[in-house]
Amino acid sequence: MALQKTFDHPYYDITITNAYWVIDKNDGIRGNEEELEITLNAYTSQAAVSKDGITPIYRLNFKYTPSGNVDIITQIYNYAKTFPILVGATNV
């Protein structure tokens, strides 16, 4: 699972159509059942995620408190879509 959304980079004057947002594969979820620290990485495309040496174009860090019995990954991505930078993102 991941998110896709056109991304206007806040530090550079560029727009990435259909930027691909994914939980960092190394340390994207840290913490315990009471509070998690999450890192979502943005890439120019889905293909860029699997290429060696490709650095994300942006990192979104946030804290999240899981709830209920819904899959934690789904919860994280749904919560991420509440941030202004990801409002309107689609699940992919």
PDB file of N, CA and C in Angstrom:
ATOM      1  N   MET A   1       0.849  -1.179   0.000  1.00  0.00           N
ATOM      2  CA  MET A   1       0.000   0.000   0.000  1.00  0.00           C
ATOM      3  C   MET A   1       0.891   1.238   0.000  1.00  0.00           C
ATOM      4  N   ALA A   2       0.409   2.284  -0.621  1.00  0.00           N
ATOM      5  CA  ALA A   2       1.090   3.577  -0.676  1.00  0.00           C
ATOM      6  C   ALA A   2       0.053   4.631  -1.045  1.00  0.00           C
ATOM      7  N   LEU A   3       0.504   5.862  -1.164  1.00  0.00           N
ATOM      8  CA  LEU A   3      -0.366   6.966  -1.578  1.00  0.00           C
ATOM      9  C   LEU A   3       0.219   7.622  -2.814  1.00  0.00           C
ATOM     10  N   GLN A   4      -0.651   8.203  -3.618  1.00  0.00           N
ATOM     11  CA  GLN A   4      -0.222   8.960  -4.785  1.00  0.00           C
ATOM     12  C   GLN A   4      -0.934  10.293  -4.806  1.00  0.00           C
ATOM     13  N   LYS A   5      -0.158  11.338  -5.123  1.00  0.00           N
ATOM     14  CA  LYS A   5      -0.743  12.675  -5.196  1.00  0.00           C
ATOM     15  C   LYS A   5       0.240  13.601  -5.876  1.00  0.00           C
ATOM     16  N   THR A   6      -0.268  14.536  -6.656  1.00  0.00           N
ATOM     17  CA  THR A   6       0.595  15.564  -7.221  1.00  0.00           C
ATOM     18  C   THR A   6       1.159  16.378  -6.072  1.00  0.00           C
ATOM     19  N   PHE A   7       2.461  16.623  -6.124  1.00  0.00           N
ATOM     20  CA  PHE A   7       3.181  17.206  -5.001  1.00  0.00           C
ATOM     21  C   PHE A   7       3.925  18.458  -5.433  1.00  0.00           C
ATOM     22  N   ASP A   8       3.574  19.583  -4.808  1.00  0.00           N
ATOM     23  CA  ASP A   8       4.306  20.830  -5.012  1.00  0.00           C
ATOM     24  C   ASP A   8       5.353  20.909  -3.911  1.00  0.00           C
ATOM     25  N   HIS A   9       6.598  20.696  -4.277  1.00  0.00           N
ATOM     26  CA  HIS A   9       7.669  20.639  -3.278  1.00  0.00           C
ATOM     27  C   HIS A   9       7.780  21.982  -2.562  1.00  0.00           C
ATOM     28  N   PRO A  10       7.759  21.970  -1.217  1.00  0.00           N
ATOM     29  CA  PRO A  10       7.753  23.228  -0.474  1.00  0.00           C
ATOM     30  C   PRO A  10       9.082  23.992  -0.502  1.00  0.00           C
ATOM     31  N   TYR A  11      10.181  23.328  -0.861  1.00  0.00           N
ATOM     32  CA  TYR A  11      11.492  23.985  -0.843  1.00  0.00           C
ATOM     33  C   TYR A  11      12.046  24.286  -2.229  1.00  0.00           C
ATOM     34  N   TYR A  12      11.542  23.625  -3.225  1.00  0.00           N
ATOM     35  CA  TYR A  12      12.013  23.817  -4.596  1.00  0.00           C
ATOM     36  C   TYR A  12      10.818  24.167  -5.467  1.00  0.00           C
ATOM     37  N   ASP A  13      11.047  24.853  -6.511  1.00  0.00           N
ATOM     38  CA  ASP A  13       9.966  25.273  -7.404  1.00  0.00           C
ATOM     39  C   ASP A  13       9.682  24.179  -8.431  1.00  0.00           C
ATOM     40  N   ILE A  14       9.236  23.002  -7.922  1.00  0.00           N
ATOM     41  CA  ILE A  14       8.912  21.887  -8.811  1.00  0.00           C
ATOM     42  C   ILE A  14       7.597  21.251  -8.387  1.00  0.00           C
ATOM     43  N   THR A  15       6.928  20.671  -9.354  1.00  0.00           N
ATOM     44  CA  THR A  15       5.705  19.914  -9.107  1.00  0.00           C
ATOM     45  C   THR A  15       5.923  18.509  -9.641  1.00  0.00           C
ATOM     46  N   ILE A  16       5.632  17.524  -8.815  1.00  0.00           N
ATOM     47  CA  ILE A  16       5.754  16.122  -9.208  1.00  0.00           C
ATOM     48  C   ILE A  16       4.346  15.567  -9.386  1.00  0.00           C
ATOM     49  N   THR A  17       3.997  15.223 -10.601  1.00  0.00           N
ATOM     50  CA  THR A  17       2.698  14.625 -10.866  1.00  0.00           C
ATOM     51  C   THR A  17       2.705  13.185 -10.372  1.00  0.00           C
ATOM     52  N   ASN A  18       1.706  12.829  -9.600  1.00  0.00           N
ATOM     53  CA  ASN A  18       1.573  11.475  -9.056  1.00  0.00           C
ATOM     54  C   ASN A  18       2.789  11.030  -8.248  1.00  0.00           C
ATOM     55  N   ALA A  19       3.267  11.911  -7.373  1.00  0.00           N
ATOM     56  CA  ALA A  19       4.339  11.508  -6.467  1.00  0.00           C
ATOM     57  C   ALA A  19       3.869  10.293  -5.676  1.00  0.00           C
ATOM     58  N   TYR A  20       4.800   9.419  -5.352  1.00  0.00           N
ATOM     59  CA  TYR A  20       4.500   8.144  -4.700  1.00  0.00           C
ATOM     60  C   TYR A  20       4.983   8.220  -3.255  1.00  0.00           C
ATOM     61  N   TRP A  21       4.065   8.113  -2.314  1.00  0.00           N
ATOM     62  CA  TRP A  21       4.351   8.228  -0.880  1.00  0.00           C
ATOM     63  C   TRP A  21       4.261   6.855  -0.239  1.00  0.00           C
ATOM     64  N   VAL A  22       5.326   6.449   0.426  1.00  0.00           N
ATOM     65  CA  VAL A  22       5.377   5.114   1.019  1.00  0.00           C
ATOM     66  C   VAL A  22       6.079   5.185   2.384  1.00  0.00           C
ATOM     67  N   ILE A  23       5.657   4.307   3.296  1.00  0.00           N
ATOM     68  CA  ILE A  23       6.311   4.218   4.600  1.00  0.00           C
ATOM     69  C   ILE A  23       7.762   3.802   4.383  1.00  0.00           C
ATOM     70  N   ASP A  24       8.681   4.505   5.027  1.00  0.00           N
ATOM     71  CA  ASP A  24      10.101   4.196   4.911  1.00  0.00           C
ATOM     72  C   ASP A  24      10.339   2.731   5.243  1.00  0.00           C
ATOM     73  N   LYS A  25      11.021   2.019   4.351  1.00  0.00           N
ATOM     74  CA  LYS A  25      11.176   0.567   4.530  1.00  0.00           C
ATOM     75  C   LYS A  25      12.164   0.197   5.632  1.00  0.00           C
ATOM     76  N   ASN A  26      13.012   1.128   6.061  1.00  0.00           N
ATOM     77  CA  ASN A  26      13.997   0.805   7.094  1.00  0.00           C
ATOM     78  C   ASN A  26      13.533   1.173   8.495  1.00  0.00           C
ATOM     79  N   ASP A  27      13.029   2.382   8.655  1.00  0.00           N
ATOM     80  CA  ASP A  27      12.623   2.804   9.998  1.00  0.00           C
ATOM     81  C   ASP A  27      11.375   3.677   9.963  1.00  0.00           C
ATOM     82  N   GLY A  28      10.435   3.310   9.117  1.00  0.00           N
ATOM     83  CA  GLY A  28       9.232   4.104   8.940  1.00  0.00           C
ATOM     84  C   GLY A  28       8.202   3.998  10.043  1.00  0.00           C
ATOM     85  N   ILE A  29       8.282   2.934  10.838  1.00  0.00           N
ATOM     86  CA  ILE A  29       7.352   2.761  11.964  1.00  0.00           C
ATOM     87  C   ILE A  29       8.181   2.423  13.196  1.00  0.00           C
ATOM     88  N   ARG A  30       8.155   3.328  14.172  1.00  0.00           N
ATOM     89  CA  ARG A  30       8.888   3.126  15.413  1.00  0.00           C
ATOM     90  C   ARG A  30       7.958   3.399  16.585  1.00  0.00           C
ATOM     91  N   GLY A  31       8.216   2.787  17.730  1.00  0.00           N
ATOM     92  CA  GLY A  31       7.418   3.060  18.914  1.00  0.00           C
ATOM     93  C   GLY A  31       6.732   1.828  19.447  1.00  0.00           C
ATOM     94  N   ASN A  32       5.573   2.054  20.090  1.00  0.00           N
ATOM     95  CA  ASN A  32       4.825   0.954  20.699  1.00  0.00           C
ATOM     96  C   ASN A  32       3.335   1.140  20.411  1.00  0.00           C
ATOM     97  N   GLU A  33       2.507   0.290  21.012  1.00  0.00           N
ATOM     98  CA  GLU A  33       1.069   0.347  20.700  1.00  0.00           C
ATOM     99  C   GLU A  33       0.395   1.629  21.182  1.00  0.00           C
ATOM    100  N   GLU A  34       1.057   2.394  22.044  1.00  0.00           N
ATOM    101  CA  GLU A  34       0.468   3.638  22.536  1.00  0.00           C
ATOM    102  C   GLU A  34       0.779   4.839  21.662  1.00  0.00           C
ATOM    103  N   GLU A  35       1.976   4.866  21.068  1.00  0.00           N
ATOM    104  CA  GLU A  35       2.333   5.966  20.176  1.00  0.00           C
ATOM    105  C   GLU A  35       3.408   5.507  19.198  1.00  0.00           C
ATOM    106  N   LEU A  36       3.176   5.804  17.939  1.00  0.00           N
ATOM    107  CA  LEU A  36       4.119   5.449  16.889  1.00  0.00           C
ATOM    108  C   LEU A  36       4.710   6.709  16.266  1.00  0.00           C
ATOM    109  N   GLU A  37       5.957   6.611  15.845  1.00  0.00           N
ATOM    110  CA  GLU A  37       6.588   7.657  15.050  1.00  0.00           C
ATOM    111  C   GLU A  37       6.689   7.111  13.638  1.00  0.00           C
ATOM    112  N   ILE A  38       6.159   7.864  12.687  1.00  0.00           N
ATOM    113  CA  ILE A  38       6.037   7.411  11.308  1.00  0.00           C
ATOM    114  C   ILE A  38       6.877   8.299  10.390  1.00  0.00           C
ATOM    115  N   THR A  39       7.499   7.684   9.394  1.00  0.00           N
ATOM    116  CA  THR A  39       8.179   8.418   8.336  1.00  0.00           C
ATOM    117  C   THR A  39       7.634   7.942   6.999  1.00  0.00           C
ATOM    118  N   LEU A  40       7.038   8.875   6.253  1.00  0.00           N
ATOM    119  CA  LEU A  40       6.601   8.600   4.882  1.00  0.00           C
ATOM    120  C   LEU A  40       7.593   9.269   3.944  1.00  0.00           C
ATOM    121  N   ASN A  41       8.039   8.533   2.950  1.00  0.00           N
ATOM    122  CA  ASN A  41       8.942   9.078   1.944  1.00  0.00           C
ATOM    123  C   ASN A  41       8.180   9.334   0.655  1.00  0.00           C
ATOM    124  N   ALA A  42       8.488  10.448   0.021  1.00  0.00           N
ATOM    125  CA  ALA A  42       7.898  10.770  -1.283  1.00  0.00           C
ATOM    126  C   ALA A  42       8.951  10.545  -2.362  1.00  0.00           C
ATOM    127  N   TYR A  43       8.537   9.889  -3.430  1.00  0.00           N
ATOM    128  CA  TYR A  43       9.399   9.621  -4.576  1.00  0.00           C
ATOM    129  C   TYR A  43       8.731  10.144  -5.839  1.00  0.00           C
ATOM    130  N   THR A  44       9.504  10.306  -6.878  1.00  0.00           N
ATOM    131  CA  THR A  44       8.954  10.805  -8.143  1.00  0.00           C
ATOM    132  C   THR A  44       8.034   9.790  -8.802  1.00  0.00           C
ATOM    133  N   SER A  45       8.214   8.506  -8.473  1.00  0.00           N
ATOM    134  CA  SER A  45       7.370   7.452  -9.056  1.00  0.00           C
ATOM    135  C   SER A  45       7.487   6.185  -8.216  1.00  0.00           C
ATOM    136  N   GLN A  46       6.609   5.244  -8.469  1.00  0.00           N
ATOM    137  CA  GLN A  46       6.670   3.955  -7.792  1.00  0.00           C
ATOM    138  C   GLN A  46       7.963   3.231  -8.158  1.00  0.00           C
ATOM    139  N   ALA A  47       8.376   3.334  -9.403  1.00  0.00           N
ATOM    140  CA  ALA A  47       9.595   2.659  -9.857  1.00  0.00           C
ATOM    141  C   ALA A  47      10.835   3.171  -9.122  1.00  0.00           C
ATOM    142  N   ALA A  48      10.840   4.430  -8.747  1.00  0.00           N
ATOM    143  CA  ALA A  48      11.999   5.010  -8.059  1.00  0.00           C
ATOM    144  C   ALA A  48      12.232   4.388  -6.688  1.00  0.00           C
ATOM    145  N   VAL A  49      11.176   3.884  -6.053  1.00  0.00           N
ATOM    146  CA  VAL A  49      11.286   3.305  -4.702  1.00  0.00           C
ATOM    147  C   VAL A  49      12.241   2.120  -4.690  1.00  0.00           C
ATOM    148  N   SER A  50      12.195   1.308  -5.718  1.00  0.00           N
ATOM    149  CA  SER A  50      12.983   0.070  -5.730  1.00  0.00           C
ATOM    150  C   SER A  50      14.387   0.235  -6.311  1.00  0.00           C
ATOM    151  N   LYS A  51      14.728   1.420  -6.783  1.00  0.00           N
ATOM    152  CA  LYS A  51      16.059   1.635  -7.354  1.00  0.00           C
ATOM    153  C   LYS A  51      17.070   1.920  -6.240  1.00  0.00           C
ATOM    154  N   ASP A  52      18.210   1.267  -6.316  1.00  0.00           N
ATOM    155  CA  ASP A  52      19.267   1.482  -5.324  1.00  0.00           C
ATOM    156  C   ASP A  52      19.817   2.899  -5.439  1.00  0.00           C
ATOM    157  N   GLY A  53      20.036   3.505  -4.291  1.00  0.00           N
ATOM    158  CA  GLY A  53      20.666   4.823  -4.262  1.00  0.00           C
ATOM    159  C   GLY A  53      19.742   5.998  -4.507  1.00  0.00           C
ATOM    160  N   ILE A  54      18.463   5.752  -4.705  1.00  0.00           N
ATOM    161  CA  ILE A  54      17.516   6.848  -4.929  1.00  0.00           C
ATOM    162  C   ILE A  54      17.087   7.408  -3.574  1.00  0.00           C
ATOM    163  N   THR A  55      17.262   8.700  -3.414  1.00  0.00           N
ATOM    164  CA  THR A  55      16.875   9.380  -2.183  1.00  0.00           C
ATOM    165  C   THR A  55      15.461   9.940  -2.351  1.00  0.00           C
ATOM    166  N   PRO A  56      14.643   9.855  -1.327  1.00  0.00           N
ATOM    167  CA  PRO A  56      13.304  10.437  -1.419  1.00  0.00           C
ATOM    168  C   PRO A  56      13.390  11.946  -1.707  1.00  0.00           C
ATOM    169  N   ILE A  57      12.379  12.472  -2.377  1.00  0.00           N
ATOM    170  CA  ILE A  57      12.350  13.906  -2.648  1.00  0.00           C
ATOM    171  C   ILE A  57      11.807  14.694  -1.466  1.00  0.00           C
ATOM    172  N   TYR A  58      11.175  13.982  -0.521  1.00  0.00           N
ATOM    173  CA  TYR A  58      10.617  14.628   0.669  1.00  0.00           C
ATOM    174  C   TYR A  58      10.328  13.552   1.711  1.00  0.00           C
ATOM    175  N   ARG A  59      10.442  13.926   2.978  1.00  0.00           N
ATOM    176  CA  ARG A  59      10.094  13.024   4.083  1.00  0.00           C
ATOM    177  C   ARG A  59       9.074  13.715   4.971  1.00  0.00           C
ATOM    178  N   LEU A  60       8.017  13.006   5.284  1.00  0.00           N
ATOM    179  CA  LEU A  60       6.992  13.510   6.195  1.00  0.00           C
ATOM    180  C   LEU A  60       7.068  12.673   7.471  1.00  0.00           C
ATOM    181  N   ASN A  61       7.371  13.331   8.591  1.00  0.00           N
ATOM    182  CA  ASN A  61       7.459  12.659   9.889  1.00  0.00           C
ATOM    183  C   ASN A  61       6.301  13.102  10.762  1.00  0.00           C
ATOM    184  N   PHE A  62       5.681  12.141  11.444  1.00  0.00           N
ATOM    185  CA  PHE A  62       4.583  12.476  12.341  1.00  0.00           C
ATOM    186  C   PHE A  62       4.398  11.382  13.377  1.00  0.00           C
ATOM    187  N   LYS A  63       3.660  11.707  14.427  1.00  0.00           N
ATOM    188  CA  LYS A  63       3.314  10.742  15.468  1.00  0.00           C
ATOM    189  C   LYS A  63       1.877  10.296  15.261  1.00  0.00           C
ATOM    190  N   TYR A  64       1.615   9.049  15.643  1.00  0.00           N
ATOM    191  CA  TYR A  64       0.282   8.491  15.458  1.00  0.00           C
ATOM    192  C   TYR A  64      -0.034   7.535  16.597  1.00  0.00           C
ATOM    193  N   THR A  65      -1.250   7.610  17.097  1.00  0.00           N
ATOM    194  CA  THR A  65      -1.727   6.681  18.122  1.00  0.00           C
ATOM    195  C   THR A  65      -2.715   5.716  17.469  1.00  0.00           C
ATOM    196  N   PRO A  66      -2.340   4.434  17.354  1.00  0.00           N
ATOM    197  CA  PRO A  66      -3.233   3.462  16.720  1.00  0.00           C
ATOM    198  C   PRO A  66      -4.496   3.242  17.545  1.00  0.00           C
ATOM    199  N   SER A  67      -5.570   2.835  16.856  1.00  0.00           N
ATOM    200  CA  SER A  67      -6.827   2.565  17.547  1.00  0.00           C
ATOM    201  C   SER A  67      -7.586   1.452  16.844  1.00  0.00           C
ATOM    202  N   GLY A  68      -8.419   0.772  17.590  1.00  0.00           N
ATOM    203  CA  GLY A  68      -9.296  -0.242  17.001  1.00  0.00           C
ATOM    204  C   GLY A  68      -8.546  -1.447  16.481  1.00  0.00           C
ATOM    205  N   ASN A  69      -9.270  -2.256  15.722  1.00  0.00           N
ATOM    206  CA  ASN A  69      -8.688  -3.481  15.197  1.00  0.00           C
ATOM    207  C   ASN A  69      -8.462  -3.428  13.696  1.00  0.00           C
ATOM    208  N   VAL A  70      -8.463  -2.220  13.125  1.00  0.00           N
ATOM    209  CA  VAL A  70      -8.179  -2.055  11.696  1.00  0.00           C
ATOM    210  C   VAL A  70      -6.674  -2.210  11.478  1.00  0.00           C
ATOM    211  N   ASP A  71      -6.293  -2.772  10.367  1.00  0.00           N
ATOM    212  CA  ASP A  71      -4.891  -2.947  10.014  1.00  0.00           C
ATOM    213  C   ASP A  71      -4.108  -1.655  10.258  1.00  0.00           C
ATOM    214  N   ILE A  72      -2.982  -1.747  10.964  1.00  0.00           N
ATOM    215  CA  ILE A  72      -2.204  -0.569  11.348  1.00  0.00           C
ATOM    216  C   ILE A  72      -1.681   0.195  10.128  1.00  0.00           C
ATOM    217  N   ILE A  73      -1.311  -0.483   9.083  1.00  0.00           N
ATOM    218  CA  ILE A  73      -0.804   0.186   7.878  1.00  0.00           C
ATOM    219  C   ILE A  73      -1.912   1.034   7.252  1.00  0.00           C
ATOM    220  N   THR A  74      -3.108   0.475   7.167  1.00  0.00           N
ATOM    221  CA  THR A  74      -4.253   1.226   6.648  1.00  0.00           C
ATOM    222  C   THR A  74      -4.523   2.448   7.506  1.00  0.00           C
ATOM    223  N   GLN A  75      -4.465   2.278   8.827  1.00  0.00           N
ATOM    224  CA  GLN A  75      -4.677   3.406   9.734  1.00  0.00           C
ATOM    225  C   GLN A  75      -3.660   4.518   9.475  1.00  0.00           C
ATOM    226  N   ILE A  76      -2.398   4.136   9.328  1.00  0.00           N
ATOM    227  CA  ILE A  76      -1.332   5.125   9.127  1.00  0.00           C
ATOM    228  C   ILE A  76      -1.561   5.908   7.839  1.00  0.00           C
ATOM    229  N   TYR A  77      -1.845   5.217   6.749  1.00  0.00           N
ATOM    230  CA  TYR A  77      -2.054   5.913   5.478  1.00  0.00           C
ATOM    231  C   TYR A  77      -3.313   6.781   5.518  1.00  0.00           C
ATOM    232  N   ASN A  78      -4.373   6.299   6.145  1.00  0.00           N
ATOM    233  CA  ASN A  78      -5.587   7.114   6.254  1.00  0.00           C
ATOM    234  C   ASN A  78      -5.329   8.370   7.084  1.00  0.00           C
ATOM    235  N   TYR A  79      -4.575   8.230   8.160  1.00  0.00           N
ATOM    236  CA  TYR A  79      -4.236   9.388   8.986  1.00  0.00           C
ATOM    237  C   TYR A  79      -3.347  10.365   8.216  1.00  0.00           C
ATOM    238  N   ALA A  80      -2.392   9.849   7.464  1.00  0.00           N
ATOM    239  CA  ALA A  80      -1.495  10.711   6.681  1.00  0.00           C
ATOM    240  C   ALA A  80      -2.276  11.593   5.707  1.00  0.00           C
ATOM    241  N   LYS A  81      -3.390  11.076   5.201  1.00  0.00           N
ATOM    242  CA  LYS A  81      -4.205  11.848   4.251  1.00  0.00           C
ATOM    243  C   LYS A  81      -4.927  13.021   4.907  1.00  0.00           C
ATOM    244  N   THR A  82      -4.812  13.170   6.225  1.00  0.00           N
ATOM    245  CA  THR A  82      -5.412  14.333   6.894  1.00  0.00           C
ATOM    246  C   THR A  82      -4.458  15.529   6.922  1.00  0.00           C
ATOM    247  N   PHE A  83      -3.189  15.324   6.604  1.00  0.00           N
ATOM    248  CA  PHE A  83      -2.225  16.419   6.552  1.00  0.00           C
ATOM    249  C   PHE A  83      -2.430  17.209   5.259  1.00  0.00           C
ATOM    250  N   PRO A  84      -2.332  18.530   5.321  1.00  0.00           N
ATOM    251  CA  PRO A  84      -2.562  19.361   4.120  1.00  0.00           C
ATOM    252  C   PRO A  84      -1.760  18.900   2.899  1.00  0.00           C
ATOM    253  N   ILE A  85      -0.561  18.446   3.104  1.00  0.00           N
ATOM    254  CA  ILE A  85       0.298  18.036   1.995  1.00  0.00           C
ATOM    255  C   ILE A  85      -0.236  16.785   1.284  1.00  0.00           C
ATOM    256  N   LEU A  86      -1.096  16.003   1.967  1.00  0.00           N
ATOM    257  CA  LEU A  86      -1.621  14.759   1.385  1.00  0.00           C
ATOM    258  C   LEU A  86      -3.138  14.704   1.266  1.00  0.00           C
ATOM    259  N   VAL A  87      -3.821  15.792   1.552  1.00  0.00           N
ATOM    260  CA  VAL A  87      -5.277  15.812   1.362  1.00  0.00           C
ATOM    261  C   VAL A  87      -5.580  15.529  -0.109  1.00  0.00           C
ATOM    262  N   GLY A  88      -6.462  14.590  -0.346  1.00  0.00           N
ATOM    263  CA  GLY A  88      -6.832  14.240  -1.716  1.00  0.00           C
ATOM    264  C   GLY A  88      -5.974  13.133  -2.312  1.00  0.00           C
ATOM    265  N   ALA A  89      -5.019  12.602  -1.543  1.00  0.00           N
ATOM    266  CA  ALA A  89      -4.185  11.516  -2.049  1.00  0.00           C
ATOM    267  C   ALA A  89      -5.027  10.261  -2.233  1.00  0.00           C
ATOM    268  N   THR A  90      -4.616   9.421  -3.159  1.00  0.00           N
ATOM    269  CA  THR A  90      -5.330   8.170  -3.409  1.00  0.00           C
ATOM    270  C   THR A  90      -4.483   6.988  -2.964  1.00  0.00           C
ATOM    271  N   ASN A  91      -5.151   5.930  -2.516  1.00  0.00           N
ATOM    272  CA  ASN A  91      -4.460   4.690  -2.146  1.00  0.00           C
ATOM    273  C   ASN A  91      -4.045   3.961  -3.418  1.00  0.00           C
ATOM    274  N   VAL A  92      -2.827   3.455  -3.397  1.00  0.00           N
ATOM    275  CA  VAL A  92      -2.351   2.640  -4.533  1.00  0.00           C
ATOM    276  C   VAL A  92      -1.659   1.403  -4.008  1.00  0.00           C
TER     277      VAL A  92
END
